[in-house]
Protein backbone atom coordinates (compact mmCIF):
# COMPACT_ATOMS: atom_id res chain seq x y z
CA UNK A 1 -14.30 7.30 24.36
CA UNK A 2 -17.74 5.85 25.03
CA UNK A 3 -18.47 2.26 26.00
CA UNK A 4 -20.54 0.35 23.45
CA UNK A 5 -22.27 -2.98 23.98
CA UNK A 6 -23.05 -5.08 20.91
CA UNK A 7 -25.87 -7.18 22.28
CA UNK A 8 -26.97 -10.64 21.23
CA UNK A 9 -24.67 -11.31 18.26
CA UNK A 10 -23.30 -14.67 17.12
CA UNK A 11 -19.54 -14.44 17.63
CA UNK A 12 -17.00 -16.17 15.38
CA UNK A 13 -13.57 -15.96 17.00
CA UNK A 14 -11.36 -18.91 15.98
CA UNK A 15 -8.42 -17.63 18.06
CA UNK A 16 -10.46 -18.53 21.14
CA UNK A 17 -12.38 -21.43 19.63
CA UNK A 18 -15.67 -19.50 19.55
CA UNK A 19 -17.88 -20.85 16.76
CA UNK A 20 -21.17 -18.98 16.50
CA UNK A 21 -21.69 -18.49 20.25
CA UNK A 22 -24.34 -15.92 21.18
CA UNK A 23 -22.59 -13.42 23.41
CA UNK A 24 -22.43 -9.67 24.05
CA UNK A 25 -19.29 -7.81 22.98
CA UNK A 26 -18.20 -4.61 24.73
CA UNK A 27 -15.95 -1.94 23.19
CA UNK A 28 -14.24 0.65 25.40
CA UNK A 29 -11.36 3.06 24.73
CA UNK A 30 -10.48 1.37 21.46
CA UNK A 31 -10.31 -2.12 22.99
CA UNK A 32 -12.54 -5.10 23.55
CA UNK A 33 -13.22 -5.53 27.27
CA UNK A 34 -14.91 -8.02 29.59
CA UNK A 35 -17.85 -6.31 31.23
CA UNK A 36 -20.61 -7.86 33.35
CA UNK A 37 -24.05 -7.80 31.75
CA UNK A 38 -25.45 -5.60 34.52
CA UNK A 39 -22.80 -2.87 34.21
CA UNK A 40 -23.96 0.32 32.50
CA UNK A 41 -22.68 1.36 29.09
CA UNK A 42 -23.05 4.54 27.05
CA UNK A 43 -24.70 2.83 24.08
CA UNK A 44 -26.26 -0.55 23.39
CA UNK A 45 -26.66 -1.75 19.82
CA UNK A 46 -28.96 -4.72 19.28
CA UNK A 47 -27.24 -7.14 16.90
CA UNK A 48 -29.42 -10.14 17.73
CA UNK A 49 -29.02 -12.82 15.09
CA UNK A 50 -26.14 -10.99 13.40
CA UNK A 51 -22.71 -12.48 12.73
CA UNK A 52 -19.90 -10.74 14.62
CA UNK A 53 -16.27 -11.10 13.55
CA UNK A 54 -13.04 -9.23 14.07
CA UNK A 55 -12.19 -6.70 11.36
CA UNK A 56 -10.85 -8.31 8.21
CA UNK A 57 -7.10 -8.37 7.50
CA UNK A 58 -5.75 -8.47 3.94
CA UNK A 59 -2.13 -9.49 4.29
CA UNK A 60 -1.30 -9.30 0.57
CA UNK A 61 -2.81 -6.43 -1.42
CA UNK A 62 -1.02 -3.98 -3.70
CA UNK A 63 -2.36 -0.64 -2.49
CA UNK A 64 0.68 1.67 -2.55
CA UNK A 65 4.05 2.34 -4.13
CA UNK A 66 5.40 3.12 -7.57
CA UNK A 67 3.81 0.18 -9.37
CA UNK A 68 0.30 1.13 -8.23
CA UNK A 69 0.81 4.69 -9.42
CA UNK A 70 2.01 3.40 -12.79
CA UNK A 71 -1.17 1.35 -12.99
CA UNK A 72 -3.32 4.37 -12.22
CA UNK A 73 -1.53 6.40 -14.89
CA UNK A 74 -1.83 3.57 -17.41
CA UNK A 75 -5.60 3.21 -16.93
CA UNK A 76 -7.10 6.70 -16.79
CA UNK A 77 -10.39 5.20 -17.97
CA UNK A 78 -10.59 3.28 -14.69
CA UNK A 79 -10.81 6.60 -12.88
CA UNK A 80 -12.71 8.62 -15.44
CA UNK A 81 -15.68 6.24 -15.71
CA UNK A 82 -14.46 2.98 -14.18
CA UNK A 83 -14.51 -0.53 -15.58
CA UNK A 84 -16.96 -1.35 -12.81
CA UNK A 85 -20.51 -0.66 -14.04
CA UNK A 86 -21.65 0.36 -10.56
CA UNK A 87 -22.43 4.10 -10.30
CA UNK A 88 -20.13 6.43 -8.44
CA UNK A 89 -20.95 6.77 -4.73
CA UNK A 90 -23.07 9.69 -3.62
CA UNK A 91 -21.54 10.04 -0.16
CA UNK A 92 -19.47 13.29 -0.19
CA UNK A 93 -16.74 11.51 1.77
CA UNK A 94 -16.19 9.22 -1.21
CA UNK A 95 -16.31 11.59 -4.18
CA UNK A 96 -12.64 12.61 -3.98
CA UNK A 97 -11.34 9.22 -5.12
CA UNK A 98 -12.48 6.50 -7.47
CA UNK A 99 -11.29 3.55 -9.51
CA UNK A 100 -12.05 -0.16 -9.62
CA UNK A 101 -8.90 -2.01 -10.76
CA UNK A 102 -6.41 0.48 -9.34
CA UNK A 103 -8.45 2.66 -6.99
CA UNK A 104 -7.11 5.84 -5.46
CA UNK A 105 -5.98 5.89 -1.86
CA UNK A 106 -9.24 7.23 -0.46
CA UNK A 107 -11.39 4.80 -2.41
CA UNK A 108 -9.14 1.95 -1.27
CA UNK A 109 -9.82 2.69 2.38
CA UNK A 110 -13.53 3.28 1.91
CA UNK A 111 -14.07 0.12 -0.14
CA UNK A 112 -12.21 -2.13 2.26
CA UNK A 113 -14.00 -0.77 5.29
CA UNK A 114 -17.42 -1.12 3.66
CA UNK A 115 -16.69 -4.87 3.39
CA UNK A 116 -15.67 -5.12 7.04
CA UNK A 117 -11.89 -4.98 6.58
CA UNK A 118 -9.82 -2.84 8.94
CA UNK A 119 -6.17 -3.70 8.07
CA UNK A 120 -4.30 -4.11 4.77
CA UNK A 121 -0.65 -4.80 3.97
CA UNK A 122 1.35 -3.78 0.91
CA UNK A 123 3.47 -6.82 -0.03
CA UNK A 124 6.15 -5.38 -2.32
CA UNK A 125 7.82 -2.20 -1.08
CA UNK A 126 11.08 -1.27 -2.80
CA UNK A 127 13.60 -0.11 -0.20
CA UNK A 128 14.56 2.96 -2.21
CA UNK A 129 10.88 3.87 -2.57
CA UNK A 130 9.87 3.27 1.04
CA UNK A 131 9.12 6.89 1.92
CA UNK A 132 6.70 7.23 -0.93
CA UNK A 133 5.06 3.92 -0.07
CA UNK A 134 4.51 4.98 3.55
CA UNK A 135 3.18 8.35 2.43
CA UNK A 136 0.70 6.65 0.13
CA UNK A 137 -0.40 4.08 2.71
CA UNK A 138 -0.80 6.95 5.15
CA UNK A 139 -3.22 8.57 2.71
CA UNK A 140 -5.48 5.49 2.86
CA UNK A 141 -8.14 6.36 5.43
CA UNK A 142 -9.16 4.21 8.39
CA UNK A 143 -7.09 1.09 7.66
CA UNK A 144 -4.13 0.03 9.76
CA UNK A 145 -1.35 -0.86 7.37
CA UNK A 146 2.24 -1.98 6.85
CA UNK A 147 4.53 -3.28 4.12
CA UNK A 148 7.09 -5.98 3.34
CA UNK A 149 10.37 -4.73 1.90
CA UNK A 150 11.78 -6.51 -1.15
CA UNK A 151 15.16 -8.23 -0.95
CA UNK A 152 16.73 -10.97 -3.03
CA UNK A 153 17.28 -9.01 -6.26
CA UNK A 154 19.19 -6.04 -4.84
CA UNK A 155 22.73 -5.94 -6.16
CA UNK A 156 24.34 -5.50 -2.74
CA UNK A 157 22.84 -8.73 -1.38
CA UNK A 158 23.81 -10.68 -4.51
CA UNK A 159 27.31 -9.21 -4.36
CA UNK A 160 27.68 -10.17 -0.68
CA UNK A 161 26.51 -13.70 -1.40
CA UNK A 162 28.79 -14.05 -4.44
CA UNK A 163 31.77 -12.94 -2.32
CA UNK A 164 30.63 -15.41 0.37
CA UNK A 165 30.32 -12.79 3.07
CA UNK A 166 29.53 -14.20 6.56
CA UNK A 167 25.83 -14.78 7.06
CA UNK A 168 25.98 -12.51 10.12
CA UNK A 169 26.81 -9.56 7.83
CA UNK A 170 24.00 -10.44 5.45
CA UNK A 171 21.68 -10.70 8.44
CA UNK A 172 22.77 -7.25 9.61
CA UNK A 173 22.11 -5.87 6.13
CA UNK A 174 18.60 -7.39 6.17
CA UNK A 175 17.90 -6.00 9.65
CA UNK A 176 19.19 -2.55 8.68
CA UNK A 177 16.93 -2.58 5.60
CA UNK A 178 13.88 -3.49 7.68
CA UNK A 179 14.84 -0.79 10.20
CA UNK A 180 15.49 1.88 7.56
CA UNK A 181 12.30 1.26 5.60
CA UNK A 182 10.09 0.57 8.64
CA UNK A 183 8.92 -2.68 7.09
CA UNK A 184 6.91 -5.38 8.82
CA UNK A 185 8.56 -8.23 6.91
CA UNK A 186 10.62 -9.24 3.88
CA UNK A 187 9.40 -10.27 0.44
CA UNK A 188 11.47 -11.97 -2.26
CA UNK A 189 10.14 -11.81 -5.82
CA UNK A 190 11.38 -14.37 -8.34
CA UNK A 191 14.61 -14.86 -6.32
CA UNK A 192 17.45 -13.43 -8.36
CA UNK A 193 15.25 -13.30 -11.47
CA UNK A 194 14.58 -9.56 -11.51
CA UNK A 195 18.31 -8.95 -11.41
CA UNK A 196 18.99 -11.67 -13.99
CA UNK A 197 16.55 -10.02 -16.40
CA UNK A 198 18.78 -6.93 -16.41
CA UNK A 199 21.58 -9.16 -17.72
CA UNK A 200 19.32 -10.42 -20.54
CA UNK A 201 18.49 -13.70 -18.79
CA UNK A 202 14.91 -14.69 -19.57
CA UNK A 203 14.49 -17.57 -17.09
CA UNK A 204 15.93 -18.46 -13.71
CA UNK A 205 14.77 -21.70 -12.12
CA UNK A 206 15.41 -22.74 -8.53
CA UNK A 207 18.79 -24.37 -9.19
CA UNK A 208 19.94 -22.30 -12.16
CA UNK A 209 22.86 -19.93 -11.69
CA UNK A 210 22.44 -16.18 -12.19
CA UNK A 211 24.24 -15.27 -15.40
CA UNK A 212 26.27 -12.55 -13.64
CA UNK A 213 26.21 -13.32 -9.92
CA UNK A 214 27.25 -16.86 -9.09
CA UNK A 215 24.20 -17.63 -6.94
CA UNK A 216 21.02 -19.65 -7.40
CA UNK A 217 17.48 -18.94 -6.21
CA UNK A 218 17.84 -21.88 -3.81
CA UNK A 219 20.78 -20.15 -2.11
CA UNK A 220 18.93 -16.83 -1.98
CA UNK A 221 15.86 -18.45 -0.43
CA UNK A 222 17.84 -20.32 2.21
CA UNK A 223 19.87 -17.24 3.13
CA UNK A 224 16.91 -14.88 3.44
CA UNK A 225 14.68 -17.36 5.29
CA UNK A 226 17.40 -18.22 7.81
CA UNK A 227 18.34 -14.59 8.44
CA UNK A 228 14.71 -13.62 8.93
CA UNK A 229 14.14 -16.44 11.39
CA UNK A 230 17.31 -15.54 13.30
CA UNK A 231 16.14 -11.93 13.59
CA UNK A 232 12.86 -13.08 15.14
CA UNK A 233 10.63 -11.27 12.64
CA UNK A 234 7.18 -12.79 13.24
CA UNK A 235 6.15 -13.07 9.59
CA UNK A 236 8.27 -15.63 7.73
CA UNK A 237 9.87 -14.93 4.37
CA UNK A 238 7.14 -13.89 1.92
CA UNK A 239 8.00 -15.70 -1.33
CA UNK A 240 6.92 -15.04 -4.91
CA UNK A 241 8.50 -18.15 -6.43
CA UNK A 242 10.26 -18.63 -9.76
CA UNK A 243 8.44 -18.92 -13.09
CA UNK A 244 5.18 -17.17 -12.27
CA UNK A 245 2.46 -18.05 -14.77
CA UNK A 246 4.58 -20.55 -16.73
CA UNK A 247 3.03 -23.93 -17.66
CA UNK A 248 4.77 -26.61 -15.64
CA UNK A 249 5.87 -24.21 -12.91
CA UNK A 250 4.58 -26.58 -10.22
CA UNK A 251 8.06 -28.14 -10.33
CA UNK A 252 9.64 -24.82 -9.33
CA UNK A 253 7.09 -24.33 -6.56
CA UNK A 254 7.68 -27.80 -5.10
CA UNK A 255 11.46 -27.30 -5.38
CA UNK A 256 11.09 -24.00 -3.51
CA UNK A 257 9.35 -25.80 -0.64
CA UNK A 258 12.12 -28.39 -0.51
CA UNK A 259 14.83 -25.73 -0.78
CA UNK A 260 13.64 -24.16 2.47
CA UNK A 261 14.63 -27.33 4.37
CA UNK A 262 11.97 -26.84 7.02
CA UNK A 263 12.50 -23.10 7.52
CA UNK A 264 9.21 -21.21 7.91
CA UNK A 265 8.01 -19.47 4.77
CA UNK A 266 4.88 -17.99 3.24
CA UNK A 267 4.29 -18.68 -0.46
CA UNK A 268 2.23 -15.96 -2.02
CA UNK A 269 -0.39 -15.98 -4.83
CA UNK A 270 0.18 -19.72 -5.24
CA UNK A 271 -2.58 -20.05 -7.86
CA UNK A 272 -0.12 -18.47 -10.32
CA UNK A 273 2.48 -21.11 -9.38
CA UNK A 274 0.35 -24.27 -9.59
CA UNK A 275 0.38 -25.10 -13.30
CA UNK A 276 1.12 -28.41 -15.03
CA UNK A 277 1.68 -29.18 -18.70
CA UNK A 278 -0.72 -32.07 -19.19
CA UNK A 279 -3.67 -32.33 -21.57
CA UNK A 280 -4.28 -31.17 -25.14
CA UNK A 281 -3.66 -27.53 -24.20
CA UNK A 282 -0.36 -28.35 -22.43
CA UNK A 283 -1.67 -26.34 -19.49
CA UNK A 284 -3.30 -28.07 -16.54
CA UNK A 285 -4.11 -27.79 -12.85
CA UNK A 286 -1.43 -28.87 -10.38
CA UNK A 287 -3.50 -27.78 -7.38
CA UNK A 288 -3.64 -31.33 -6.02
CA UNK A 289 0.16 -31.62 -6.00
CA UNK A 290 0.67 -28.30 -4.29
CA UNK A 291 -2.08 -28.89 -1.73
CA UNK A 292 -0.54 -32.24 -0.84
CA UNK A 293 2.87 -30.60 -0.43
CA UNK A 294 1.47 -27.85 1.81
CA UNK A 295 -0.40 -30.46 3.86
CA UNK A 296 2.90 -32.33 4.39
CA UNK A 297 5.00 -29.27 5.29
CA UNK A 298 3.83 -27.54 8.46
CA UNK A 299 6.45 -24.81 7.93
CA UNK A 300 4.60 -23.51 4.84
CA UNK A 301 1.67 -21.10 4.69
CA UNK A 302 0.14 -19.66 1.53
CA UNK A 303 -2.19 -17.06 0.15
CA UNK A 304 -4.02 -18.03 -3.01
CA UNK A 305 -4.26 -15.07 -5.40
CA UNK A 306 -7.65 -16.17 -6.74
CA UNK A 307 -8.48 -15.15 -10.31
CA UNK A 308 -11.83 -13.38 -10.69
CA UNK A 309 -13.34 -12.72 -14.11
CA UNK A 310 -13.39 -9.22 -15.56
CA UNK A 311 -11.04 -6.31 -16.12
CA UNK A 312 -8.06 -5.71 -13.88
CA UNK A 313 -4.42 -4.69 -14.10
CA UNK A 314 -1.45 -6.87 -13.18
CA UNK A 315 1.37 -5.21 -11.26
CA UNK A 316 4.45 -6.97 -10.01
CA UNK A 317 8.08 -6.53 -9.08
CA UNK A 318 8.71 -9.51 -11.37
CA UNK A 319 9.85 -7.57 -14.42
CA UNK A 320 11.04 -10.76 -16.11
CA UNK A 321 7.60 -12.37 -16.10
CA UNK A 322 5.63 -9.18 -16.71
CA UNK A 323 7.69 -8.50 -19.83
CA UNK A 324 6.84 -12.01 -21.05
CA UNK A 325 3.14 -11.45 -20.26
CA UNK A 326 2.94 -8.05 -21.98
CA UNK A 327 1.64 -9.37 -25.36
CA UNK A 328 -1.47 -10.71 -23.58
CA UNK A 329 -2.33 -7.31 -22.14
CA UNK A 330 -5.86 -5.96 -22.53
CA UNK A 331 -5.86 -3.10 -23.30
CA UNK A 332 -2.47 -3.61 -24.95
CA UNK A 333 -0.18 -1.56 -22.73
CA UNK A 334 3.00 -2.21 -20.74
CA UNK A 335 5.08 -0.26 -18.28
CA UNK A 336 8.32 -1.26 -16.58
CA UNK A 337 10.68 0.42 -14.16
CA UNK A 338 13.69 -0.09 -11.93
CA UNK A 339 15.09 2.07 -9.18
CA UNK A 340 18.53 2.22 -7.57
CA UNK A 341 19.43 -1.36 -8.67
CA UNK A 342 16.97 -2.28 -5.95
CA UNK A 343 14.07 -4.16 -7.51
CA UNK A 344 11.81 -4.03 -10.54
CA UNK A 345 8.28 -3.30 -11.63
CA UNK A 346 6.10 -4.39 -14.51
CA UNK A 347 2.51 -3.28 -15.20
CA UNK A 348 0.18 -5.02 -17.68
CA UNK A 349 -3.61 -4.42 -17.87
CA UNK A 350 -5.51 -7.67 -18.21
CA UNK A 351 -9.02 -9.03 -18.66
CA UNK A 352 -9.89 -12.50 -17.36
CA UNK A 353 -12.55 -14.14 -19.54
CA UNK A 354 -14.89 -17.01 -18.65
CA UNK A 355 -14.61 -18.57 -22.10
CA UNK A 356 -10.80 -18.50 -22.13
CA UNK A 357 -9.47 -21.97 -21.31
CA UNK A 358 -6.42 -20.56 -19.51
CA UNK A 359 -8.38 -17.99 -17.47
CA UNK A 360 -11.11 -20.47 -16.57
CA UNK A 361 -8.49 -22.99 -15.44
CA UNK A 362 -6.78 -20.33 -13.31
CA UNK A 363 -10.13 -19.60 -11.63
CA UNK A 364 -10.65 -23.29 -10.95
CA UNK A 365 -7.09 -23.83 -9.63
CA UNK A 366 -7.45 -21.11 -7.02
CA UNK A 367 -10.68 -22.57 -5.65
CA UNK A 368 -9.16 -26.05 -5.64
CA UNK A 369 -6.29 -24.84 -3.50
CA UNK A 370 -8.61 -23.21 -0.96
CA UNK A 371 -10.62 -26.41 -0.68
CA UNK A 372 -7.84 -29.02 -0.79
CA UNK A 373 -5.44 -27.58 1.78
CA UNK A 374 -6.44 -29.11 5.09
CA UNK A 375 -5.33 -26.49 7.62
CA UNK A 376 -7.23 -23.20 7.20
CA UNK A 377 -4.74 -21.49 9.54
CA UNK A 378 -2.14 -21.75 6.78
CA UNK A 379 -4.30 -20.42 3.93
CA UNK A 380 -5.18 -16.74 3.45
CA UNK A 381 -7.95 -15.38 1.27
CA UNK A 382 -6.55 -13.03 -1.39
CA UNK A 383 -6.86 -12.18 -5.06
CA UNK A 384 -3.35 -10.68 -5.01
CA UNK A 385 -5.18 -7.40 -5.65
CA UNK A 386 -5.30 -6.34 -8.40
CA UNK A 387 -3.40 -9.16 -10.16
CA UNK A 388 -6.04 -11.88 -9.88
CA UNK A 389 -8.86 -9.38 -9.54
CA UNK A 390 -9.83 -6.32 -7.47
CA UNK A 391 -10.26 -6.84 -3.74
CA UNK A 392 -13.90 -5.78 -4.05
CA UNK A 393 -14.62 -9.29 -5.36
CA UNK A 394 -13.96 -10.90 -1.95
CA UNK A 395 -17.65 -11.35 -1.06
CA UNK A 396 -18.21 -13.20 -4.33
CA UNK A 397 -15.17 -15.37 -3.62
CA UNK A 398 -16.45 -16.17 -0.14
CA UNK A 399 -19.76 -17.33 -1.61
CA UNK A 400 -17.91 -19.59 -4.06
CA UNK A 401 -16.06 -21.20 -1.17
CA UNK A 402 -19.14 -21.64 1.02
CA UNK A 403 -21.76 -22.71 -1.56
CA UNK A 404 -21.11 -25.85 -3.64
CA UNK A 405 -24.27 -25.42 -5.75
CA UNK A 406 -23.37 -21.83 -6.62
CA UNK A 407 -19.81 -22.91 -7.42
CA UNK A 408 -21.09 -25.59 -9.79
CA UNK A 409 -23.35 -23.06 -11.53
CA UNK A 410 -20.36 -20.81 -12.17
CA UNK A 411 -18.21 -23.73 -13.31
CA UNK A 412 -20.83 -24.72 -15.88
CA UNK A 413 -20.51 -21.30 -17.55
CA UNK A 414 -16.81 -21.68 -18.26
CA UNK A 415 -14.78 -22.99 -21.17
CA UNK A 416 -16.14 -26.50 -21.77
CA UNK A 417 -12.78 -28.27 -21.36
CA UNK A 418 -12.36 -26.81 -17.88
CA UNK A 419 -15.96 -27.40 -16.88
CA UNK A 420 -15.74 -31.06 -17.99
CA UNK A 421 -12.40 -32.00 -16.47
CA UNK A 422 -11.51 -29.65 -13.58
CA UNK A 423 -10.86 -31.43 -10.26
CA UNK A 424 -13.09 -28.74 -8.76
CA UNK A 425 -16.18 -30.64 -9.98
CA UNK A 426 -15.56 -33.46 -7.54
CA UNK A 427 -14.73 -31.35 -4.48
CA UNK A 428 -17.71 -31.25 -2.15
CA UNK A 429 -16.19 -29.24 0.68
CA UNK A 430 -17.96 -26.01 1.66
CA UNK A 431 -16.13 -23.68 4.00
CA UNK A 432 -17.92 -22.63 7.17
CA UNK A 433 -18.21 -19.18 8.70
CA UNK A 434 -15.68 -20.31 11.29
CA UNK A 435 -13.21 -21.20 8.53
CA UNK A 436 -13.88 -17.94 6.68
CA UNK A 437 -13.06 -16.10 9.92
CA UNK A 438 -9.72 -17.94 9.98
CA UNK A 439 -8.88 -17.21 6.33
CA UNK A 440 -9.75 -13.51 6.57
CA UNK A 441 -9.05 -12.60 10.21
CA UNK A 442 -7.44 -14.96 12.69
CA UNK A 443 -5.02 -16.64 10.28
CA UNK A 444 -3.48 -13.47 8.79
CA UNK A 445 -3.13 -11.95 12.27
CA UNK A 446 -1.26 -15.03 13.51
CA UNK A 447 1.00 -15.17 10.45
CA UNK A 448 1.90 -11.49 10.85
CA UNK A 449 2.44 -11.66 14.61
CA UNK A 450 -0.37 -9.21 15.37
CA UNK A 451 -1.41 -10.41 18.80
CA UNK A 452 -4.20 -7.86 19.28
CA UNK A 453 -5.78 -8.24 15.83
CA UNK A 454 -7.99 -10.85 14.20
CA UNK A 455 -9.83 -11.90 17.36
CA UNK A 456 -12.51 -10.75 19.81
CA UNK A 457 -10.82 -11.50 23.13
CA UNK A 458 -10.39 -9.01 25.94
CA UNK A 459 -7.57 -6.59 25.17
CA UNK A 460 -7.86 -6.95 21.41
CA UNK A 461 -8.16 -3.87 19.23
CA UNK A 462 -11.87 -3.04 18.88
CA UNK A 463 -11.86 -3.69 15.13
CA UNK A 464 -15.21 -5.39 14.60
CA UNK A 465 -17.51 -6.21 11.68
CA UNK A 466 -21.19 -7.07 12.17
CA UNK A 467 -23.04 -8.82 9.33
CA UNK A 468 -26.80 -9.34 9.10
CA UNK A 469 -27.55 -12.95 8.18
CA UNK A 470 -28.82 -13.35 4.60
CA UNK A 471 -29.43 -16.31 2.33
CA UNK A 472 -27.18 -14.59 -0.21
CA UNK A 473 -23.72 -14.95 1.37
CA UNK A 474 -22.19 -12.57 -1.17
CA UNK A 475 -24.66 -9.81 -0.30
CA UNK A 476 -24.10 -10.43 3.41
CA UNK A 477 -20.33 -9.97 3.20
CA UNK A 478 -20.63 -7.06 0.75
CA UNK A 479 -22.43 -4.76 3.18
CA UNK A 480 -21.93 -5.21 6.93
CA UNK A 481 -24.49 -3.63 9.20
CA UNK A 482 -21.76 -2.04 11.33
CA UNK A 483 -17.98 -1.72 11.14
CA UNK A 484 -15.93 -0.42 14.07
CA UNK A 485 -12.29 0.69 13.94
CA UNK A 486 -10.65 0.99 17.36
CA UNK A 487 -14.13 1.20 18.86
CA UNK A 488 -15.32 3.99 16.56
CA UNK A 489 -18.22 3.32 14.19
CA UNK A 490 -16.77 3.95 10.72
CA UNK A 491 -19.33 2.30 8.41
CA UNK A 492 -23.01 1.54 8.72
CA UNK A 493 -25.12 -0.30 6.13
CA UNK A 494 -22.65 0.48 3.34
CA UNK A 495 -22.10 4.15 4.22
CA UNK A 496 -18.84 5.59 5.53
CA UNK A 497 -19.67 7.61 8.65
CA UNK A 498 -16.19 8.44 10.02
CA UNK A 499 -12.66 8.52 8.64
CA UNK A 500 -10.09 8.15 11.43
CA UNK A 501 -6.41 7.75 10.61
CA UNK A 502 -5.07 4.21 10.66
CA UNK A 503 -1.87 3.09 12.35
CA UNK A 504 1.29 1.63 10.80
CA UNK A 505 2.74 -1.76 11.72
CA UNK A 506 6.50 -2.29 11.45
CA UNK A 507 9.31 -4.40 12.92
CA UNK A 508 12.44 -3.22 14.72
CA UNK A 509 15.10 -5.95 14.66
CA UNK A 510 18.53 -5.57 16.26
CA UNK A 511 21.65 -5.29 14.10
CA UNK A 512 25.31 -4.38 14.26
CA UNK A 513 25.50 -0.67 13.30
CA UNK A 514 28.90 -1.22 11.68
CA UNK A 515 27.01 -2.55 8.65
CA UNK A 516 26.61 1.13 7.84
CA UNK A 517 30.21 1.22 6.59
CA UNK A 518 29.45 -1.48 4.03
CA UNK A 519 26.36 0.40 2.92
CA UNK A 520 28.19 3.72 2.62
CA UNK A 521 30.98 2.17 0.56
CA UNK A 522 28.55 0.48 -1.81
CA UNK A 523 26.39 3.61 -2.16
CA UNK A 524 29.37 5.82 -3.02
CA UNK A 525 30.29 3.50 -5.88
CA UNK A 526 26.87 2.65 -7.29
CA UNK A 527 23.90 4.62 -5.95
CA UNK A 528 22.53 8.14 -5.71
CA UNK A 529 20.99 7.90 -2.23
CA UNK A 530 23.09 8.24 0.91
CA UNK A 531 22.14 5.35 3.26
CA UNK A 532 22.24 7.76 6.19
CA UNK A 533 19.39 9.68 4.53
CA UNK A 534 17.43 6.53 3.73
CA UNK A 535 16.48 5.74 7.31
CA UNK A 536 12.90 6.67 8.17
CA UNK A 537 12.69 7.79 11.79
CA UNK A 538 9.69 7.44 14.08
CA UNK A 539 8.74 11.10 13.80
CA UNK A 540 8.89 10.95 10.02
CA UNK A 541 6.92 7.70 9.94
CA UNK A 542 4.23 9.34 12.07
CA UNK A 543 4.19 12.27 9.67
CA UNK A 544 3.97 9.94 6.64
CA UNK A 545 1.03 8.25 8.33
CA UNK A 546 -0.78 11.57 8.93
CA UNK A 547 -0.32 11.25 12.65
CA UNK A 548 -1.55 7.67 12.88
CA UNK A 549 -0.35 5.44 15.71
CA UNK A 550 3.00 3.68 15.43
CA UNK A 551 2.50 -0.04 16.01
CA UNK A 552 5.90 -1.77 16.37
CA UNK A 553 5.84 -5.56 16.37
CA UNK A 554 7.98 -7.45 18.86
CA UNK A 555 10.86 -9.52 17.46
CA UNK A 556 12.06 -12.70 19.18
CA UNK A 557 15.50 -13.70 17.84
CA UNK A 558 16.12 -17.44 17.68
CA UNK A 559 19.92 -17.29 17.59
CA UNK A 560 22.56 -14.90 18.97
CA UNK A 561 22.97 -11.78 16.87
CA UNK A 562 26.32 -10.33 15.94
CA UNK A 563 27.73 -8.05 18.59
């Protein structure tokens, strides 16, 4: 590989405390290296005055798996002409895939990279559908990727908890599942609620008992979070809390934080879990309460799931809540699925409207959370693609966070009750480029345990985005001047110029192999898949990823594992 010097850029690297320092950056053999100014390089690119950041990392974006394919099937118009009025790209590399709300795999990679993102993580992989998920992520060009496997609604876990099996056995089952599916972490969706829905239960709050299994979401959360910590998985339990989208669900969200009893956890798409019941509409912002709780609890990190106006499609493992949301679909469609008593899936197209009180309030709540949580290292920029809006809206979201005047202009266009009373009106904070680099790069890398991503230090992966300074922040972040993946130029001025294969991140925790007997016994009685055939080996993972690099993440157990 050649050695490239990016000369004269303004570097933003929060991992190393670098805030707009003018400094050269040298890329060699896929890594960032320290190189004296006088030493020769193969190519020098003048980026004087440009902003230089590590490649963006989206740690929660639905880009693969059965639910995304259901969404694509449900919205053929999104691929035939697109809800996005922008014309189809002319670059031949990009003509094989399209879509705005639920883009195809190729378009997903191209669109992310053209914004300066180089890594993306699927947050809801069903264990029984892991092979397909890895195959689909492997078909996304350029991006490094990984996935969190879903637990907490699988019948075997609930059965083990009901029978009060030793936590060591549950921990071994979790570790085996991560190993078999080659997951990077664990996600729990509406703890116990997906399973409860199958037994005709329509609600399951944090301390309510499952109608069939004698467990509560509180017990599920504590068990999963403790097991994950004991296994030393870097990313804490990824939690989609109870009662998504329900007015008054702030109580469930706060109870979830308390239920963890100080264990590390990441609450996802918290905008959808920050609703009160005050006011004439009986639907209000509880962003202040949640932000205060996050500020008090250093063990909690969040991503926001910002709502952006326009057409999208909502996809979730939370069958219970998606079934309830189906009547609000636009266009009026619904799809649901379950597989191997493993998890669930619900798909509902949706259009967020500025003049809708509920939608406008959701938009405001997300921005309030970004701006009221003190520690940017514990907040991640997401729209929960595509649930709150397509990921292509990130540049617009960044402008909203950085520009108070622009934010106020947008607020004035909304439903009058929101515009007149939203706490957002009084928030004067504007995020800086340094903070944006934390929310979109350094913070996600730290939360995922990716030591060579999200920063510009020597030895880091040479994933780099270079932005030309513009008065219009949205335009600046929409089209970087240069994007490098592992030191290779992959996008220039909005054009894809190379399509290397991305790598796959996964964890490899230790476990007692005798857990296999439990799995075999359960599978013989209830399932169609032999657990011995469920394990994805390294060779197969490499094949699923089209020959991309395998990027195992180190685990550091915090307690002795079962022998």
